[in-house]
C-alpha atoms as a PDB file:
ATOM      1  CA  MET A   1     -26.131 -33.005  -9.921  1.00  0.00           C
ATOM      2  CA  LYS A   2     -23.552 -31.557 -12.196  1.00  0.00           C
ATOM      3  CA  GLU A   3     -21.222 -28.963 -11.003  1.00  0.00           C
ATOM      4  CA  THR A   4     -20.906 -25.581 -12.478  1.00  0.00           C
ATOM      5  CA  ILE A   5     -17.861 -23.461 -12.320  1.00  0.00           C
ATOM      6  CA  LEU A   6     -17.370 -19.951 -12.463  1.00  0.00           C
ATOM      7  CA  LEU A   7     -13.866 -19.363 -13.221  1.00  0.00           C
ATOM      8  CA  ALA A   8     -13.246 -15.459 -12.208  1.00  0.00           C
ATOM      9  CA  PRO A   9      -9.511 -14.529 -11.504  1.00  0.00           C
ATOM     10  CA  GLY A  10      -8.769 -12.611  -8.971  1.00  0.00           C
ATOM     11  CA  VAL A  11     -12.273 -12.375  -7.179  1.00  0.00           C
ATOM     12  CA  ASN A  12     -13.685 -13.570  -3.680  1.00  0.00           C
ATOM     13  CA  GLY A  13     -14.937 -16.700  -4.463  1.00  0.00           C
ATOM     14  CA  SER A  14     -17.505 -17.050  -1.128  1.00  0.00           C
ATOM     15  CA  GLU A  15     -18.510 -13.117  -1.073  1.00  0.00           C
ATOM     16  CA  LEU A  16     -19.398 -13.610  -4.609  1.00  0.00           C
ATOM     17  CA  LEU A  17     -21.587 -16.542  -4.032  1.00  0.00           C
ATOM     18  CA  ARG A  18     -23.538 -14.608  -0.775  1.00  0.00           C
ATOM     19  CA  THR A  19     -24.161 -11.831  -2.830  1.00  0.00           C
ATOM     20  CA  MET A  20     -25.452 -14.110  -5.731  1.00  0.00           C
ATOM     21  CA  ALA A  21     -27.634 -15.925  -2.985  1.00  0.00           C
ATOM     22  CA  LYS A  22     -28.661 -12.667  -1.214  1.00  0.00           C
ATOM     23  CA  HIS A  23     -30.058 -11.417  -4.777  1.00  0.00           C
ATOM     24  CA  GLY A  24     -32.194 -14.910  -5.472  1.00  0.00           C
ATOM     25  CA  THR A  25     -29.599 -16.632  -7.628  1.00  0.00           C
ATOM     26  CA  ASP A  26     -29.626 -20.422  -6.973  1.00  0.00           C
ATOM     27  CA  THR A  27     -25.795 -21.313  -6.178  1.00  0.00           C
ATOM     28  CA  LEU A  28     -26.087 -25.043  -5.350  1.00  0.00           C
ATOM     29  CA  GLY A  29     -23.567 -26.622  -6.982  1.00  0.00           C
ATOM     30  CA  LEU A  30     -21.719 -23.397  -8.075  1.00  0.00           C
ATOM     31  CA  ARG A  31     -18.058 -23.359  -7.498  1.00  0.00           C
ATOM     32  CA  VAL A  32     -16.126 -19.894  -8.169  1.00  0.00           C
ATOM     33  CA  CYS A  33     -12.811 -20.671  -8.343  1.00  0.00           C
ATOM     34  CA  GLY A  34      -9.197 -18.876 -10.122  1.00  0.00           C
ATOM     35  CA  ALA A  35      -7.560 -20.647 -12.877  1.00  0.00           C
ATOM     36  CA  VAL A  36      -4.679 -22.226 -10.722  1.00  0.00           C
ATOM     37  CA  GLU A  37      -7.581 -23.946  -8.649  1.00  0.00           C
ATOM     38  CA  LEU A  38      -9.222 -25.292 -12.070  1.00  0.00           C
ATOM     39  CA  ALA A  39      -5.661 -26.705 -13.051  1.00  0.00           C
ATOM     40  CA  LYS A  40      -5.374 -28.565  -9.630  1.00  0.00           C
ATOM     41  CA  ARG A  41      -8.805 -29.603 -10.459  1.00  0.00           C
ATOM     42  CA  ALA A  42      -8.236 -30.903 -13.814  1.00  0.00           C
ATOM     43  CA  LEU A  43      -4.703 -32.499 -12.687  1.00  0.00           C
ATOM     44  CA  ALA A  44      -6.311 -34.385  -9.767  1.00  0.00           C
ATOM     45  CA  GLN A  45      -9.457 -35.739 -11.571  1.00  0.00           C
ATOM     46  CA  SER A  46      -7.031 -37.287 -14.123  1.00  0.00           C
ATOM     47  CA  GLY A  47      -4.654 -38.763 -11.911  1.00  0.00           C
ATOM     48  CA  ALA A  48      -2.256 -36.456 -12.866  1.00  0.00           C
ATOM     49  CA  ALA A  49       0.635 -36.181 -10.157  1.00  0.00           C
ATOM     50  CA  VAL A  50       2.126 -32.910  -9.894  1.00  0.00           C
ATOM     51  CA  THR A  51       5.641 -34.017  -9.084  1.00  0.00           C
ATOM     52  CA  ARG A  52       6.914 -30.436  -8.426  1.00  0.00           C
ATOM     53  CA  GLN A  53       6.678 -27.989  -5.806  1.00  0.00           C
ATOM     54  CA  PHE A  54       4.325 -25.366  -6.362  1.00  0.00           C
ATOM     55  CA  PHE A  55       5.951 -21.993  -5.977  1.00  0.00           C
ATOM     56  CA  PRO A  56       3.315 -19.190  -5.294  1.00  0.00           C
ATOM     57  CA  LYS A  57       2.872 -15.717  -7.008  1.00  0.00           C
ATOM     58  CA  ARG A  58       3.612 -13.784  -3.897  1.00  0.00           C
ATOM     59  CA  GLU A  59       7.550 -15.345  -3.992  1.00  0.00           C
ATOM     60  CA  GLU A  60       8.066 -14.671  -7.415  1.00  0.00           C
ATOM     61  CA  PRO A  61       9.968 -11.325  -6.686  1.00  0.00           C
ATOM     62  CA  THR A  62      11.996 -12.462  -4.110  1.00  0.00           C
ATOM     63  CA  MET A  63      13.476 -15.291  -6.387  1.00  0.00           C
ATOM     64  CA  ILE A  64      13.695 -12.645  -9.311  1.00  0.00           C
ATOM     65  CA  ALA A  65      15.199 -10.631  -7.009  1.00  0.00           C
ATOM     66  CA  SER A  66      18.030 -13.003  -5.927  1.00  0.00           C
ATOM     67  CA  PHE A  67      19.593 -12.516  -9.408  1.00  0.00           C
ATOM     68  CA  LEU A  68      18.172  -9.458 -10.870  1.00  0.00           C
ATOM     69  CA  ARG A  69      21.223  -7.160 -10.386  1.00  0.00           C
ATOM     70  CA  GLU A  70      23.794  -9.928 -11.979  1.00  0.00           C
ATOM     71  CA  ILE A  71      21.893  -8.646 -15.413  1.00  0.00           C
ATOM     72  CA  PRO A  72      23.904  -5.708 -16.362  1.00  0.00           C
ATOM     73  CA  TYR A  73      20.467  -3.566 -17.641  1.00  0.00           C
ATOM     74  CA  PHE A  74      19.068  -4.139 -14.084  1.00  0.00           C
ATOM     75  CA  ALA A  75      22.653  -3.650 -12.412  1.00  0.00           C
ATOM     76  CA  ASN A  76      20.637  -0.818 -10.083  1.00  0.00           C
ATOM     77  CA  ALA A  77      17.550  -2.290  -9.697  1.00  0.00           C
ATOM     78  CA  SER A  78      15.776  -2.379  -5.937  1.00  0.00           C
ATOM     79  CA  TYR A  79      13.065  -5.004  -5.223  1.00  0.00           C
ATOM     80  CA  ALA A  80      10.039  -2.762  -6.338  1.00  0.00           C
ATOM     81  CA  ASP A  81      11.627  -3.500  -9.687  1.00  0.00           C
ATOM     82  CA  ALA A  82      11.770  -6.885  -9.276  1.00  0.00           C
ATOM     83  CA  GLU A  83       8.166  -6.844  -8.205  1.00  0.00           C
ATOM     84  CA  ALA A  84       7.570  -4.956 -11.555  1.00  0.00           C
ATOM     85  CA  ILE A  85       9.117  -7.226 -13.281  1.00  0.00           C
ATOM     86  CA  ALA A  86       7.657 -10.531 -12.026  1.00  0.00           C
ATOM     87  CA  ALA A  87       4.299  -8.770 -12.549  1.00  0.00           C
ATOM     88  CA  ALA A  88       5.269  -7.978 -16.338  1.00  0.00           C
ATOM     89  CA  LEU A  89       6.755 -11.454 -16.725  1.00  0.00           C
ATOM     90  CA  ASP A  90       3.768 -12.999 -15.682  1.00  0.00           C
ATOM     91  CA  THR A  91       1.171 -10.930 -18.063  1.00  0.00           C
ATOM     92  CA  MET A  92       3.574 -12.018 -21.160  1.00  0.00           C
ATOM     93  CA  ARG A  93       3.351 -15.534 -20.254  1.00  0.00           C
ATOM     94  CA  MET A  94      -0.710 -15.395 -19.414  1.00  0.00           C
ATOM     95  CA  LEU A  95      -0.849 -13.764 -22.782  1.00  0.00           C
ATOM     96  CA  ILE A  96       0.612 -16.686 -24.895  1.00  0.00           C
ATOM     97  CA  PRO A  97      -1.613 -19.742 -25.006  1.00  0.00           C
ATOM     98  CA  GLU A  98       1.042 -22.315 -26.316  1.00  0.00           C
ATOM     99  CA  ASN A  99       4.908 -22.755 -27.020  1.00  0.00           C
ATOM    100  CA  GLU A 100       5.655 -20.306 -24.770  1.00  0.00           C
ATOM    101  CA  GLU A 101       9.259 -20.414 -24.565  1.00  0.00           C
ATOM    102  CA  ALA A 102       9.622 -20.332 -28.299  1.00  0.00           C
ATOM    103  CA  CYS A 103       7.579 -17.323 -28.693  1.00  0.00           C
ATOM    104  CA  VAL A 104       9.232 -15.077 -26.226  1.00  0.00           C
ATOM    105  CA  ARG A 105      12.434 -15.974 -27.710  1.00  0.00           C
ATOM    106  CA  GLU A 106      11.535 -14.802 -30.992  1.00  0.00           C
ATOM    107  CA  THR A 107       9.399 -11.615 -30.398  1.00  0.00           C
ATOM    108  CA  LEU A 108      11.008 -10.181 -27.194  1.00  0.00           C
ATOM    109  CA  PRO A 109      14.257  -9.258 -28.942  1.00  0.00           C
ATOM    110  CA  LYS A 110      12.399  -7.634 -31.834  1.00  0.00           C
ATOM    111  CA  GLY A 111      10.853  -5.142 -29.796  1.00  0.00           C
ATOM    112  CA  GLU A 112      11.224  -1.641 -29.932  1.00  0.00           C
ATOM    113  CA  PHE A 113      13.152  -1.011 -26.852  1.00  0.00           C
ATOM    114  CA  SER A 114      15.934  -3.981 -28.020  1.00  0.00           C
ATOM    115  CA  GLU A 115      18.552  -3.301 -25.154  1.00  0.00           C
ATOM    116  CA  LYS A 116      15.664  -3.665 -22.535  1.00  0.00           C
ATOM    117  CA  ASN A 117      13.593  -6.406 -23.990  1.00  0.00           C
ATOM    118  CA  LYS A 118      16.913  -8.550 -24.329  1.00  0.00           C
ATOM    119  CA  ALA A 119      17.352  -7.848 -20.519  1.00  0.00           C
ATOM    120  CA  LEU A 120      13.678  -9.029 -20.165  1.00  0.00           C
ATOM    121  CA  LEU A 121      14.589 -11.902 -21.401  1.00  0.00           C
ATOM    122  CA  ALA A 122      17.854 -13.104 -19.701  1.00  0.00           C
ATOM    123  CA  ALA A 123      15.184 -12.348 -16.863  1.00  0.00           C
ATOM    124  CA  TYR A 124      12.731 -14.427 -18.109  1.00  0.00           C
ATOM    125  CA  GLU A 125      15.157 -17.079 -18.829  1.00  0.00           C
ATOM    126  CA  ARG A 126      17.210 -17.313 -15.343  1.00  0.00           C
ATOM    127  CA  TYR A 127      13.489 -17.189 -13.616  1.00  0.00           C
ATOM    128  CA  LEU A 128      12.943 -20.470 -15.589  1.00  0.00           C
ATOM    129  CA  ARG A 129      16.167 -22.166 -14.804  1.00  0.00           C
ATOM    130  CA  ALA A 130      15.744 -21.129 -11.055  1.00  0.00           C
ATOM    131  CA  LEU A 131      12.018 -22.455 -10.978  1.00  0.00           C
ATOM    132  CA  GLY A 132      13.727 -26.109 -12.597  1.00  0.00           C
ATOM    133  CA  GLU A 133      16.761 -26.193 -10.384  1.00  0.00           C
ATOM    134  CA  SER A 134      14.571 -25.249  -7.185  1.00  0.00           C
ATOM    135  CA  GLY A 135      11.998 -28.201  -8.781  1.00  0.00           C
ATOM    136  CA  ARG A 136       9.272 -26.112  -8.308  1.00  0.00           C
ATOM    137  CA  ILE A 137       6.393 -24.999 -11.084  1.00  0.00           C
ATOM    138  CA  ASP A 138       5.009 -21.848 -10.758  1.00  0.00           C
ATOM    139  CA  SER A 139       1.162 -20.616 -11.657  1.00  0.00           C
ATOM    140  CA  VAL A 140       1.624 -20.699 -15.471  1.00  0.00           C
ATOM    141  CA  GLY A 141       3.563 -23.821 -15.503  1.00  0.00           C
ATOM    142  CA  LEU A 142       0.642 -25.591 -13.421  1.00  0.00           C
ATOM    143  CA  MET A 143      -1.936 -24.257 -16.261  1.00  0.00           C
ATOM    144  CA  ARG A 144       0.597 -25.334 -18.970  1.00  0.00           C
ATOM    145  CA  MET A 145       0.811 -29.057 -17.082  1.00  0.00           C
ATOM    146  CA  ALA A 146      -3.222 -29.441 -17.093  1.00  0.00           C
ATOM    147  CA  LEU A 147      -3.449 -28.345 -20.375  1.00  0.00           C
ATOM    148  CA  GLY A 148      -1.213 -31.175 -21.588  1.00  0.00           C
ATOM    149  CA  LYS A 149      -2.094 -33.616 -19.072  1.00  0.00           C
ATOM    150  CA  ALA A 150      -5.152 -33.637 -17.722  1.00  0.00           C
ATOM    151  CA  ALA A 151      -8.910 -34.861 -19.226  1.00  0.00           C
ATOM    152  CA  PRO A 152     -11.559 -32.383 -19.523  1.00  0.00           C
ATOM    153  CA  ILE A 153     -13.611 -31.701 -16.586  1.00  0.00           C
ATOM    154  CA  ASP A 154     -17.248 -32.912 -16.590  1.00  0.00           C
ATOM    155  CA  ALA A 155     -18.780 -29.796 -15.383  1.00  0.00           C
ATOM    156  CA  ALA A 156     -19.924 -26.389 -17.084  1.00  0.00           C
ATOM    157  CA  ILE A 157     -17.181 -23.802 -17.095  1.00  0.00           C
ATOM    158  CA  LEU A 158     -18.982 -19.922 -17.071  1.00  0.00           C
ATOM    159  CA  THR A 159     -17.130 -16.758 -17.141  1.00  0.00           C
ATOM    160  CA  LEU A 160     -18.001 -13.319 -16.370  1.00  0.00           C
ATOM    161  CA  ARG A 161     -17.585  -9.998 -18.538  1.00  0.00           C
ATOM    162  CA  GLU A 162     -16.547  -8.284 -15.652  1.00  0.00           C
ATOM    163  CA  TYR A 163     -13.665 -10.472 -14.909  1.00  0.00           C
ATOM    164  CA  PRO A 164     -11.935 -11.488 -18.165  1.00  0.00           C
ATOM    165  CA  LEU A 165      -9.490 -14.079 -19.112  1.00  0.00           C
ATOM    166  CA  ALA A 166      -6.126 -14.124 -20.170  1.00  0.00           C
ATOM    167  CA  PRO A 167      -5.523 -16.197 -23.236  1.00  0.00           C
ATOM    168  CA  LEU A 168      -4.009 -18.839 -21.522  1.00  0.00           C
ATOM    169  CA  GLU A 169      -6.801 -18.898 -19.085  1.00  0.00           C
ATOM    170  CA  ARG A 170      -8.955 -19.125 -21.874  1.00  0.00           C
ATOM    171  CA  ARG A 171      -7.474 -22.244 -23.087  1.00  0.00           C
ATOM    172  CA  LEU A 172      -7.796 -23.744 -20.061  1.00  0.00           C
ATOM    173  CA  ALA A 173     -11.357 -23.184 -19.531  1.00  0.00           C
END
């Protein structure tokens, strides 16, 4: 039996399967997962080892807060600001399907708010450097690793329009 993967980021998979079964849909062989889980699975099936420790998304604001005040534009930033910047950086990185660093360095300084964009670029570069120095990989890095090293998964991958995919997630699928 060939497995079917339903790629739906942010959805509670077991609850969705339970609801589908309640409404008469056959859920045998159906797996609901997010993009990170799909990337981990693709890497595992390909035999590609992830040598860096996974850095969970919930810890990103803490890492960003550790250096954010060193950037002059964010000298008075609070932890809530670090949470907003972490979310913004994650969203920005998910919108870039390939050549992330080059695209960010080229595009961000050209924006309408040049001073703030330069500060965001500095935060982005510090975040990537901190990840590298700590020997960790975040969710976006893991997806990019899967795109570069993993072979395609032998399963049908479905998506739902109610749970739209970011360009990076679409490319992974």
